[in-house]
C-alpha atoms as a PDB file:
ATOM      1  CA  MET A   1      -4.996   9.892 -12.472  1.00  0.00           C
ATOM      2  CA  PRO A   2      -3.988   9.808  -8.982  1.00  0.00           C
ATOM      3  CA  ASN A   3      -4.149   6.063  -8.589  1.00  0.00           C
ATOM      4  CA  ARG A   4      -1.096   5.446 -10.696  1.00  0.00           C
ATOM      5  CA  VAL A   5       2.583   5.468  -9.668  1.00  0.00           C
ATOM      6  CA  HIS A   6       5.450   5.223 -12.322  1.00  0.00           C
ATOM      7  CA  PHE A   7       9.099   4.299 -11.384  1.00  0.00           C
ATOM      8  CA  ILE A   8      12.215   4.612 -13.414  1.00  0.00           C
ATOM      9  CA  ALA A   9      14.941   2.719 -11.532  1.00  0.00           C
ATOM     10  CA  VAL A  10      18.361   1.274 -12.379  1.00  0.00           C
ATOM     11  CA  PRO A  11      19.089  -1.484  -9.723  1.00  0.00           C
ATOM     12  CA  ASN A  12      22.425  -2.347  -8.478  1.00  0.00           C
ATOM     13  CA  THR A  13      21.912  -5.760  -8.620  1.00  0.00           C
ATOM     14  CA  LYS A  14      19.655  -8.402 -10.510  1.00  0.00           C
ATOM     15  CA  GLU A  15      17.365  -8.666  -7.584  1.00  0.00           C
ATOM     16  CA  GLY A  16      17.518  -5.058  -6.549  1.00  0.00           C
ATOM     17  CA  LEU A  17      14.588  -3.946  -8.373  1.00  0.00           C
ATOM     18  CA  ALA A  18      12.644  -6.760  -7.334  1.00  0.00           C
ATOM     19  CA  ARG A  19      13.301  -6.339  -3.826  1.00  0.00           C
ATOM     20  CA  ALA A  20      12.362  -2.516  -4.049  1.00  0.00           C
ATOM     21  CA  ILE A  21       9.162  -3.040  -5.644  1.00  0.00           C
ATOM     22  CA  ASP A  22       8.373  -5.877  -3.227  1.00  0.00           C
ATOM     23  CA  GLU A  23       9.004  -3.498  -0.194  1.00  0.00           C
ATOM     24  CA  ALA A  24       7.004  -0.926  -1.825  1.00  0.00           C
ATOM     25  CA  HIS A  25       4.123  -2.973  -2.368  1.00  0.00           C
ATOM     26  CA  ARG A  26       4.172  -4.493   1.068  1.00  0.00           C
ATOM     27  CA  ARG A  27       4.132  -1.118   2.536  1.00  0.00           C
ATOM     28  CA  TYR A  28       1.429   0.238   0.330  1.00  0.00           C
ATOM     29  CA  THR A  29      -0.617  -2.858   1.289  1.00  0.00           C
ATOM     30  CA  ARG A  30      -0.087  -2.578   4.775  1.00  0.00           C
ATOM     31  CA  ARG A  31      -1.180   0.980   4.785  1.00  0.00           C
ATOM     32  CA  MET A  32      -4.365   0.420   2.728  1.00  0.00           C
ATOM     33  CA  LYS A  33      -5.284  -2.731   4.943  1.00  0.00           C
ATOM     34  CA  LEU A  34      -4.909  -0.318   8.176  1.00  0.00           C
ATOM     35  CA  ILE A  35      -6.879   2.517   6.334  1.00  0.00           C
ATOM     36  CA  PHE A  36      -9.707   0.049   5.331  1.00  0.00           C
ATOM     37  CA  SER A  37      -9.728  -1.358   8.843  1.00  0.00           C
ATOM     38  CA  ILE A  38     -10.290   2.107  10.529  1.00  0.00           C
ATOM     39  CA  ALA A  39     -12.829   2.935   7.857  1.00  0.00           C
ATOM     40  CA  LYS A  40     -14.721  -0.507   8.948  1.00  0.00           C
ATOM     41  CA  THR A  41     -14.771   0.359  12.235  1.00  0.00           C
ATOM     42  CA  ILE A  42     -15.961   3.966  12.037  1.00  0.00           C
ATOM     43  CA  ARG A  43     -18.715   2.650   9.961  1.00  0.00           C
ATOM     44  CA  ALA A  44     -19.432  -0.136  12.446  1.00  0.00           C
ATOM     45  CA  SER A  45     -19.692   2.110  15.284  1.00  0.00           C
ATOM     46  CA  PHE A  46     -22.231   4.520  13.246  1.00  0.00           C
ATOM     47  CA  MET A  47     -24.260   1.496  12.570  1.00  0.00           C
ATOM     48  CA  GLU A  48     -24.727   0.675  16.401  1.00  0.00           C
ATOM     49  CA  ARG A  49     -26.295   3.860  17.090  1.00  0.00           C
END
């Protein structure tokens, strides 16, 4: 399935894994919001015609 990601990670510190996953989630969310925003803008431009 293309919508799944699996990580095998051994953190150097207690907080290391949480920080890494947090950053990955933050970047993913930012990218998805941008993609959906662009798609919404494109749809709106076609609806105006």
